[in-house]
Protein backbone atom coordinates (compact mmCIF):
# COMPACT_ATOMS: atom_id res chain seq x y z
CA MET A 1 -2.74 27.71 -35.67
CA THR A 2 -5.98 25.77 -36.09
CA ARG A 3 -7.81 24.10 -33.24
CA TRP A 4 -7.06 20.69 -34.71
CA SER A 5 -3.32 21.46 -34.76
CA SER A 6 -3.38 22.66 -31.16
CA GLU A 7 -5.12 19.47 -30.03
CA ARG A 8 -2.67 17.39 -32.04
CA ILE A 9 0.33 19.08 -30.44
CA GLY A 10 -1.26 18.66 -27.03
CA ASP A 11 -1.74 14.93 -27.63
CA ILE A 12 1.86 14.50 -28.77
CA ALA A 13 3.16 16.40 -25.76
CA THR A 14 1.03 14.21 -23.47
CA TYR A 15 2.41 11.02 -25.02
CA VAL A 16 5.99 12.31 -24.77
CA VAL A 17 5.58 13.16 -21.08
CA ALA A 18 3.90 9.81 -20.43
CA LEU A 19 6.76 8.00 -22.19
CA LEU A 20 9.38 9.89 -20.19
CA LEU A 21 7.58 9.05 -16.94
CA PHE A 22 7.35 5.40 -17.96
CA VAL A 23 11.08 5.27 -18.68
CA LEU A 24 11.83 7.07 -15.41
CA PHE A 25 9.91 4.56 -13.30
CA ALA A 26 10.44 1.42 -15.39
CA ALA A 27 14.22 1.74 -15.81
CA PRO A 28 15.07 0.83 -12.16
CA LEU A 29 12.73 -2.17 -12.29
CA LEU A 30 14.20 -3.40 -15.57
CA TRP A 31 17.70 -2.97 -14.21
CA LEU A 32 16.70 -4.92 -11.09
CA LEU A 33 15.27 -7.70 -13.25
CA SER A 34 18.45 -7.74 -15.33
CA LEU A 35 20.56 -8.27 -12.20
CA ALA A 36 18.17 -10.91 -10.83
CA ILE A 37 18.56 -13.24 -13.84
CA ARG A 38 22.36 -12.99 -14.13
CA THR A 39 24.95 -15.51 -13.13
CA PRO A 40 27.53 -14.37 -10.56
CA ALA A 41 30.11 -13.94 -13.32
CA GLU A 42 27.89 -11.59 -15.31
CA ILE A 43 27.23 -9.33 -12.33
CA PHE A 44 30.65 -7.75 -12.77
CA LEU A 45 29.86 -6.73 -16.37
CA GLY A 46 27.55 -3.96 -15.17
CA ALA A 47 25.55 -1.98 -17.72
CA SER A 48 27.52 -3.43 -20.64
CA ARG A 49 25.46 -6.63 -20.31
CA PHE A 50 21.94 -5.29 -19.68
CA ILE A 51 20.48 -8.40 -21.31
CA PRO A 52 22.36 -11.36 -19.81
CA GLU A 53 24.03 -13.74 -22.20
CA ASP A 54 23.13 -16.71 -20.04
CA PRO A 55 19.95 -15.77 -18.09
CA THR A 56 19.04 -18.00 -15.18
CA LEU A 57 16.20 -18.43 -12.70
CA ALA A 58 18.46 -20.13 -10.15
CA ASN A 59 18.61 -16.94 -8.08
CA PHE A 60 14.82 -16.94 -7.65
CA GLU A 61 14.87 -20.65 -6.80
CA GLN A 62 17.52 -20.12 -4.14
CA ILE A 63 15.62 -17.23 -2.58
CA LEU A 64 12.23 -18.96 -2.65
CA THR A 65 13.59 -22.13 -1.05
CA ASP A 66 15.22 -20.17 1.78
CA ARG A 67 13.11 -20.63 4.92
CA THR A 68 14.33 -17.34 6.38
CA PHE A 69 13.09 -15.43 3.35
CA GLY A 70 9.70 -17.08 3.72
CA LEU A 71 9.57 -15.94 7.36
CA TYR A 72 10.37 -12.34 6.39
CA LEU A 73 7.76 -12.46 3.64
CA TRP A 74 5.16 -13.83 6.04
CA ASN A 75 6.00 -11.12 8.60
CA GLY A 76 5.47 -8.44 5.94
CA ILE A 77 2.14 -9.87 4.79
CA LYS A 78 0.98 -10.31 8.39
CA LEU A 79 1.79 -6.73 9.40
CA CYS A 80 0.20 -5.25 6.28
CA ALA A 81 -2.95 -7.37 6.57
CA LEU A 82 -3.43 -6.62 10.28
CA GLY A 83 -2.85 -2.91 9.73
CA ALA A 84 -5.18 -2.74 6.74
CA LEU A 85 -7.90 -4.74 8.48
CA GLY A 86 -7.62 -2.61 11.63
CA ALA A 87 -7.81 0.60 9.60
CA LEU A 88 -10.88 -0.67 7.77
CA ILE A 89 -12.70 -1.71 10.96
CA THR A 90 -11.90 1.63 12.59
CA ALA A 91 -12.82 3.69 9.55
CA ILE A 92 -16.20 2.07 8.72
CA PRO A 93 -18.25 3.54 11.62
CA ALA A 94 -16.52 6.92 11.31
CA ALA A 95 -17.13 7.12 7.57
CA TYR A 96 -20.74 6.00 7.99
CA VAL A 97 -21.44 8.72 10.54
CA PHE A 98 -19.85 11.38 8.34
CA SER A 99 -21.90 10.14 5.39
CA ARG A 100 -25.30 9.75 7.06
CA ARG A 101 -25.38 12.24 9.89
CA GLN A 102 -25.40 16.03 9.60
CA PHE A 103 -23.71 17.72 12.54
CA ARG A 104 -21.82 20.91 13.21
CA GLY A 105 -18.10 20.77 12.45
CA ALA A 106 -18.28 17.68 10.21
CA SER A 107 -16.35 19.36 7.38
CA ILE A 108 -13.65 20.59 9.76
CA LEU A 109 -13.30 17.14 11.27
CA MET A 110 -12.93 15.58 7.81
CA LEU A 111 -10.22 18.08 6.95
CA GLY A 112 -8.55 17.37 10.29
CA ILE A 113 -8.51 13.64 9.48
CA LEU A 114 -6.98 14.41 6.10
CA THR A 115 -4.34 16.57 7.77
CA VAL A 116 -3.24 13.59 9.88
CA GLN A 117 -2.62 11.69 6.64
CA MET A 118 -0.11 14.33 5.61
CA VAL A 119 2.06 13.94 8.73
CA SER A 120 5.15 11.91 7.94
CA PRO A 121 5.78 8.90 10.20
CA LEU A 122 9.40 10.08 10.37
CA VAL A 123 8.32 13.06 12.50
CA LEU A 124 6.54 10.79 14.99
CA LEU A 125 9.05 7.98 15.23
CA ILE A 126 10.78 9.08 18.44
CA PRO A 127 7.51 9.75 20.33
CA LEU A 128 6.14 6.48 18.95
CA TYR A 129 9.19 4.59 20.17
CA ARG A 130 8.86 6.07 23.67
CA TYR A 131 5.13 5.40 23.68
CA MET A 132 5.49 1.77 22.64
CA GLU A 133 8.32 1.32 25.15
CA ARG A 134 6.09 2.54 27.99
CA LEU A 135 3.32 0.20 26.87
CA GLY A 136 5.74 -2.73 26.68
CA LEU A 137 4.95 -3.28 23.02
CA LEU A 138 8.43 -2.89 21.58
CA GLU A 139 9.59 -5.95 19.62
CA THR A 140 6.02 -7.04 18.97
CA HIS A 141 4.05 -7.12 15.75
CA ALA A 142 1.16 -5.45 17.57
CA ALA A 143 3.16 -2.20 17.78
CA ALA A 144 4.04 -2.06 14.07
CA ALA A 145 0.58 -3.21 12.96
CA GLY A 146 -1.00 -0.57 15.21
CA VAL A 147 1.06 2.16 13.55
CA TYR A 148 0.17 0.80 10.10
CA MET A 149 -3.48 0.91 11.13
CA ALA A 150 -3.24 4.50 12.38
CA LEU A 151 -1.57 5.60 9.15
CA GLY A 152 -4.31 3.97 7.07
CA VAL A 153 -7.36 5.29 8.93
CA PRO A 154 -7.53 8.79 7.33
CA LEU A 155 -7.39 7.50 3.75
CA SER A 156 -9.90 4.77 4.60
CA VAL A 157 -12.38 7.23 6.14
CA TRP A 158 -12.33 9.42 3.04
CA MET A 159 -12.66 6.52 0.62
CA LEU A 160 -15.42 4.79 2.58
CA LYS A 161 -17.39 8.01 3.03
CA ALA A 162 -17.44 8.41 -0.76
CA SER A 163 -18.63 4.81 -1.11
CA PHE A 164 -21.39 5.28 1.48
CA ASP A 165 -22.47 8.56 -0.16
CA ALA A 166 -23.06 6.69 -3.42
CA ILE A 167 -25.55 4.28 -1.79
CA PRO A 168 -29.18 5.53 -1.89
CA ARG A 169 -30.58 6.22 1.55
CA SER A 170 -33.94 4.88 0.43
CA LEU A 171 -32.55 1.34 0.71
CA GLU A 172 -31.61 1.94 4.34
CA ASP A 173 -34.98 3.55 5.02
CA ALA A 174 -36.76 0.51 3.56
CA ALA A 175 -34.72 -1.82 5.77
CA ALA A 176 -35.48 0.34 8.81
CA ILE A 177 -39.20 0.21 8.05
CA ASP A 178 -38.92 -3.59 7.91
CA GLY A 179 -37.58 -3.55 11.46
CA CYS A 180 -33.80 -3.52 11.02
CA SER A 181 -31.87 -1.72 13.73
CA ALA A 182 -29.25 0.85 12.81
CA PRO A 183 -26.30 -1.58 13.24
CA ALA A 184 -28.17 -4.22 11.22
CA VAL A 185 -28.76 -1.73 8.41
CA LEU A 186 -25.05 -0.91 8.37
CA PHE A 187 -23.89 -4.56 8.41
CA PHE A 188 -26.51 -6.18 6.16
CA VAL A 189 -27.48 -3.41 3.75
CA THR A 190 -24.85 -0.67 3.49
CA MET A 191 -21.61 -2.61 3.88
CA PRO A 192 -22.37 -5.26 1.21
CA LEU A 193 -23.21 -2.49 -1.27
CA ALA A 194 -20.02 -0.64 -0.35
CA ALA A 195 -17.88 -3.77 -0.77
CA PRO A 196 -15.90 -2.42 -3.79
CA GLY A 197 -14.92 0.71 -1.86
CA MET A 198 -13.99 -1.35 1.20
CA ALA A 199 -11.89 -3.68 -0.94
CA SER A 200 -10.13 -0.70 -2.53
CA ALA A 201 -9.37 0.82 0.86
CA PHE A 202 -8.04 -2.52 2.11
CA ILE A 203 -5.79 -3.00 -0.93
CA LEU A 204 -4.44 0.56 -0.76
CA ASN A 205 -3.67 0.15 2.93
CA MET A 206 -1.90 -3.13 2.15
CA LEU A 207 0.22 -1.37 -0.49
CA MET A 208 1.02 1.48 1.89
CA GLY A 209 2.05 -0.99 4.58
CA TRP A 210 4.09 -3.05 2.14
CA SER A 211 6.28 -0.03 1.38
CA GLN A 212 6.81 0.89 5.04
CA PHE A 213 10.39 0.72 6.17
CA LEU A 214 11.10 3.18 8.99
CA VAL A 215 8.32 2.05 11.32
CA PRO A 216 9.31 -1.65 11.47
CA PHE A 217 13.00 -0.71 11.32
CA ILE A 218 12.68 1.32 14.53
CA LEU A 219 10.15 -0.82 16.41
CA LEU A 220 11.41 -4.30 15.46
CA SER A 221 15.10 -5.04 15.91
CA GLN A 222 14.84 -8.81 16.39
CA ASP A 223 15.64 -10.65 13.19
CA ARG A 224 12.77 -13.14 13.48
CA LEU A 225 10.19 -10.33 13.69
CA GLN A 226 11.30 -8.15 10.79
CA PRO A 227 9.26 -7.83 7.59
CA ILE A 228 10.78 -8.30 4.17
CA SER A 229 11.49 -4.58 3.61
CA VAL A 230 13.80 -4.37 6.65
CA ALA A 231 15.30 -7.80 6.04
CA ILE A 232 16.35 -6.86 2.50
CA PHE A 233 17.95 -3.66 3.79
CA ASN A 234 19.94 -5.61 6.37
CA PHE A 235 20.90 -8.15 3.72
CA ALA A 236 22.01 -5.37 1.37
CA GLY A 237 24.21 -3.90 4.08
CA SER A 238 26.05 -7.16 4.51
CA THR A 239 26.17 -8.40 0.92
CA SER A 240 28.97 -8.23 -1.61
CA ALA A 241 29.09 -8.17 -5.40
CA SER A 242 29.07 -11.97 -5.42
CA THR A 243 25.59 -12.06 -3.91
CA THR A 244 24.11 -9.02 -5.67
CA GLN A 245 22.08 -11.25 -7.99
CA LEU A 246 20.41 -12.88 -4.96
CA LEU A 247 19.59 -9.49 -3.47
CA ALA A 248 18.10 -8.39 -6.81
CA ALA A 249 16.00 -11.56 -7.02
CA ALA A 250 14.71 -10.97 -3.47
CA CYS A 251 13.80 -7.38 -4.39
CA VAL A 252 11.94 -8.50 -7.53
CA ILE A 253 9.96 -11.07 -5.55
CA THR A 254 9.12 -8.40 -2.97
CA VAL A 255 7.96 -5.86 -5.55
CA LEU A 256 5.86 -8.24 -7.64
CA PRO A 257 2.90 -8.67 -5.22
CA ALA A 258 2.35 -4.91 -5.00
CA ILE A 259 2.55 -4.43 -8.77
CA ALA A 260 0.29 -7.42 -9.44
CA ALA A 261 -2.31 -6.26 -6.91
CA PHE A 262 -2.40 -2.75 -8.36
CA LEU A 263 -2.61 -3.92 -11.97
CA ALA A 264 -5.36 -6.41 -11.16
CA LEU A 265 -7.44 -3.92 -9.21
CA GLN A 266 -6.48 -0.61 -10.78
CA ARG A 267 -9.98 0.14 -12.08
CA LEU A 268 -11.50 -0.56 -8.68
CA ILE A 269 -8.91 1.57 -6.88
CA VAL A 270 -9.01 4.48 -9.33
CA GLY A 271 -12.82 4.40 -9.33
CA ALA A 272 -12.95 4.62 -5.55
CA ILE A 273 -10.43 7.48 -5.48
CA MET A 274 -12.27 9.40 -8.20
CA ALA A 275 -15.57 8.91 -6.38
CA GLY A 276 -13.99 10.55 -3.36
CA ALA A 277 -12.71 13.40 -5.50
CA VAL A 278 -16.16 14.08 -6.93
CA LYS A 279 -18.28 13.65 -3.82
CA GLY A 280 -15.85 14.68 -1.09
C-alpha cells in the first residue's frame, strides 16, 4: 500500500468518525427541536413525525412570556456570572505568581490544583451541605455561587498561567523601571495583554456553571431561588404528554446561550486551551 493510499484511508476514517460523533451529539438536539415546534396534537405521533406537519413557534412564545421562566433564567445567569467572576478574581494572582515567580514546589502545587479539578462535586455534596448549613448560607445564592467559583478556580489558574507565560517579561520590566509598583504592573500592563485568556476562562466557567445541576439542586430548594437547570427538572417531573412541547421549548431556549457562546468564541477558547497544553 502506497503512502498516498494510507493517508487517504486515514482521512476517510477520520471523516467517518467525525460524522458518527456529530450524529451522536446532534440527534438529541434535533429531536428536542422537533418536539419544541410541534402542536400538542403532533406530540403523540412520536418519531413518525420527526418533521412536524404544522410547525409552530407558539411554544417558544408561551415560555418566553412566562415571568417565572424569566426568573429561573435570571437566577441561572446570576449564579454562573458570580461564580465565573469569583473564580477569575481568585485565579489571577495565583496564576501570576506561578508564572512570574520561581519557588520550590511550584510544579507540585500546580498538579495539586489540577487534581482538585478532577474531584466530582457529587463526592463533596454532603460535606458541602453540612458546611453551608453551619455557615447559615443554605437557601442563598452566595452558597451556590461560591461552589461554582471553587469549581472554576483550578481551570482558571491553568489557563491564566499560560496566558501570562506568553507575555514578554521585558514589558513588565520596562514598566517597573518607569516607576510602576508590582500591583500596578499586573493591573495596567499584564492583565490588559492577557485579556483574551481571561475572557476564555470566564466563558468556560460560565459554561461549566450553566450545566451544573446537583449543586443548586441540593443547596437551593426554594422555588424562587432555583436556576433554570433545576427548574426544568422539576417541571419535567410534573409535566404530562400534553405539555411536552413546552418543556422541549424551554430546554431549547436553555441550551442555545451555551451553544451560541461556544460557537462565537471557539477560536479564543481553543487557542487558550492549546496555549496551556504547550506551555504548561
